Each structure stands twice: as C-alpha cells, then as structure tokens.
Protein backbone atom coordinates (compact mmCIF):
# COMPACT_ATOMS: atom_id res chain seq x y z
CA MET A 1 36.66 -53.25 -14.71
CA ASN A 2 34.01 -53.71 -12.07
CA ILE A 3 35.78 -51.14 -9.87
CA LEU A 4 35.96 -48.68 -12.76
CA GLN A 5 32.23 -49.05 -13.43
CA LYS A 6 31.43 -48.46 -9.76
CA GLU A 7 33.64 -45.36 -9.75
CA ALA A 8 31.96 -44.08 -12.91
CA GLU A 9 28.51 -44.70 -11.42
CA ARG A 10 29.51 -42.88 -8.21
CA ALA A 11 30.80 -39.96 -10.23
CA ASP A 12 27.55 -39.91 -12.27
CA ARG A 13 25.47 -39.89 -9.07
CA ALA A 14 27.63 -37.11 -7.64
CA ARG A 15 27.14 -35.04 -10.82
CA GLU A 16 23.38 -35.66 -10.67
CA ARG A 17 23.27 -34.61 -6.99
CA GLU A 18 25.22 -31.47 -7.78
CA LYS A 19 22.93 -30.72 -10.74
CA ARG A 20 19.79 -31.16 -8.55
CA ARG A 21 21.34 -29.01 -5.81
CA LYS A 22 22.06 -26.20 -8.27
CA GLU A 23 18.55 -26.46 -9.73
CA GLN A 24 17.07 -26.30 -6.25
CA GLU A 25 19.20 -23.26 -5.36
CA GLU A 26 18.11 -21.54 -8.56
CA GLU A 27 14.44 -22.31 -7.80
CA GLU A 28 14.83 -20.96 -4.25
CA ARG A 29 16.47 -17.81 -5.61
CA LYS A 30 13.57 -17.29 -8.04
CA GLN A 31 11.06 -17.82 -5.22
CA ALA A 32 12.91 -15.28 -3.06
CA VAL A 33 12.78 -12.74 -5.88
CA LEU A 34 9.05 -13.33 -6.31
CA ARG A 35 8.45 -12.97 -2.55
CA LYS A 36 10.39 -9.72 -2.52
CA GLU A 37 8.38 -8.38 -5.47
CA ARG A 38 5.09 -9.33 -3.78
CA MET A 39 6.21 -7.58 -0.61
CA LYS A 40 6.98 -4.44 -2.60
CA VAL A 41 3.54 -4.56 -4.24
CA ARG A 42 1.83 -5.00 -0.86
CA GLU A 43 3.83 -2.11 0.59
CA LYS A 44 2.81 0.13 -2.32
CA GLU A 45 -0.83 -0.88 -1.80
CA ARG A 46 -0.58 -0.03 1.90
CA GLU A 47 0.95 3.35 1.04
CA ARG A 48 -1.87 4.05 -1.43
CA GLU A 49 -4.46 3.13 1.20
CA LYS A 50 -2.79 5.40 3.75
CA GLU A 51 -2.68 8.25 1.23
CA THR A 52 -6.34 7.70 0.35
CA GLU A 53 -7.28 7.77 4.04
CA ARG A 54 -5.24 10.95 4.57
CA ASN A 55 -7.03 12.53 1.62
CA ARG A 56 -10.41 11.50 3.01
CA GLU A 57 -9.53 12.93 6.41
CA THR A 58 -8.37 16.19 4.85
CA GLU A 59 -11.60 16.37 2.84
CA ARG A 60 -13.69 15.72 5.97
CA LYS A 61 -11.90 18.52 7.79
CA ARG A 62 -12.36 20.82 4.81
CA ASP A 63 -16.07 20.00 4.61
CA HIS A 64 -16.46 20.56 8.33
CA SER A 65 -14.68 23.90 8.07
CA ARG A 66 -16.87 24.95 5.11
CA GLU A 67 -19.99 24.00 7.05
CA ARG A 68 -18.87 26.05 10.06
CA ASP A 69 -18.11 29.02 7.81
CA ARG A 70 -21.50 28.69 6.13
CA GLU A 71 -23.25 28.59 9.50
CA ARG A 72 -21.29 31.62 10.66
CA ARG A 73 -22.24 33.58 7.53
CA ASP A 74 -25.88 32.56 7.83
CA THR A 75 -25.91 33.61 11.47
CA LYS A 76 -24.36 36.98 10.60
CA ARG A 77 -26.82 37.45 7.75
CA ARG A 78 -29.77 36.68 10.00
CA SER A 79 -28.41 38.99 12.64
CA ARG A 80 -27.95 41.80 10.11
CA SER A 81 -31.38 41.35 8.62
CA THR A 82 -32.88 41.39 12.11
CA SER A 83 -31.03 44.59 12.91
CA THR A 84 -32.19 46.11 9.65
CA ARG A 85 -35.81 45.19 10.38
CA GLU A 86 -35.58 46.65 13.86
CA ARG A 87 -34.13 49.88 12.47
CA SER A 88 -36.79 50.14 9.83
CA ARG A 89 -39.48 49.78 12.51
CA ARG A 90 -38.11 52.74 14.39
C-alpha cells in the first residue's frame, strides 16, 4: 500500500506540474498577444505623427508659395502704378 500511495502522490505531482505548465504557457500567450497589440498601437501612432508632419510640411510650402505670389503681385502692382504715374506726368 505504501508503494501505491507513493505512486499516486507522484502522479498527483506530475498532474500539478502539467497544470502549472499549461497555465504558464497560456499566460505567456496572452502576454504575447498584448505585446503585439501594443506594437500595433505604437506603429499607428508613429504613422499618424508622420502624416501630421507631412501635412505641416505641405502647409509650410503652400504658405511660402502664397507669400512669394503675394510679393510678386505687390511688386507688379507697384511697378504698374509707378509706370502710370510717370505716364501721367508726361
């Protein structure tokens, strides 16, 4: 009977080890899923930041272009008005 009890205890310990191993594997799998999800979120945030920066750069270029156009028009206007004044003097 003593041998049977020892065998039963060994089997119980083996079942417990197997149960803990499976629980640990499941926990590791859950952690891996969470890590993967966090990586996806970070990647999306980086993409949004890149897009925002591209938009800012585009807007800066657009503003610069508008400013140059405005200066060009103002210069032409001044030039025309000067020419008109000179003609009216004559």
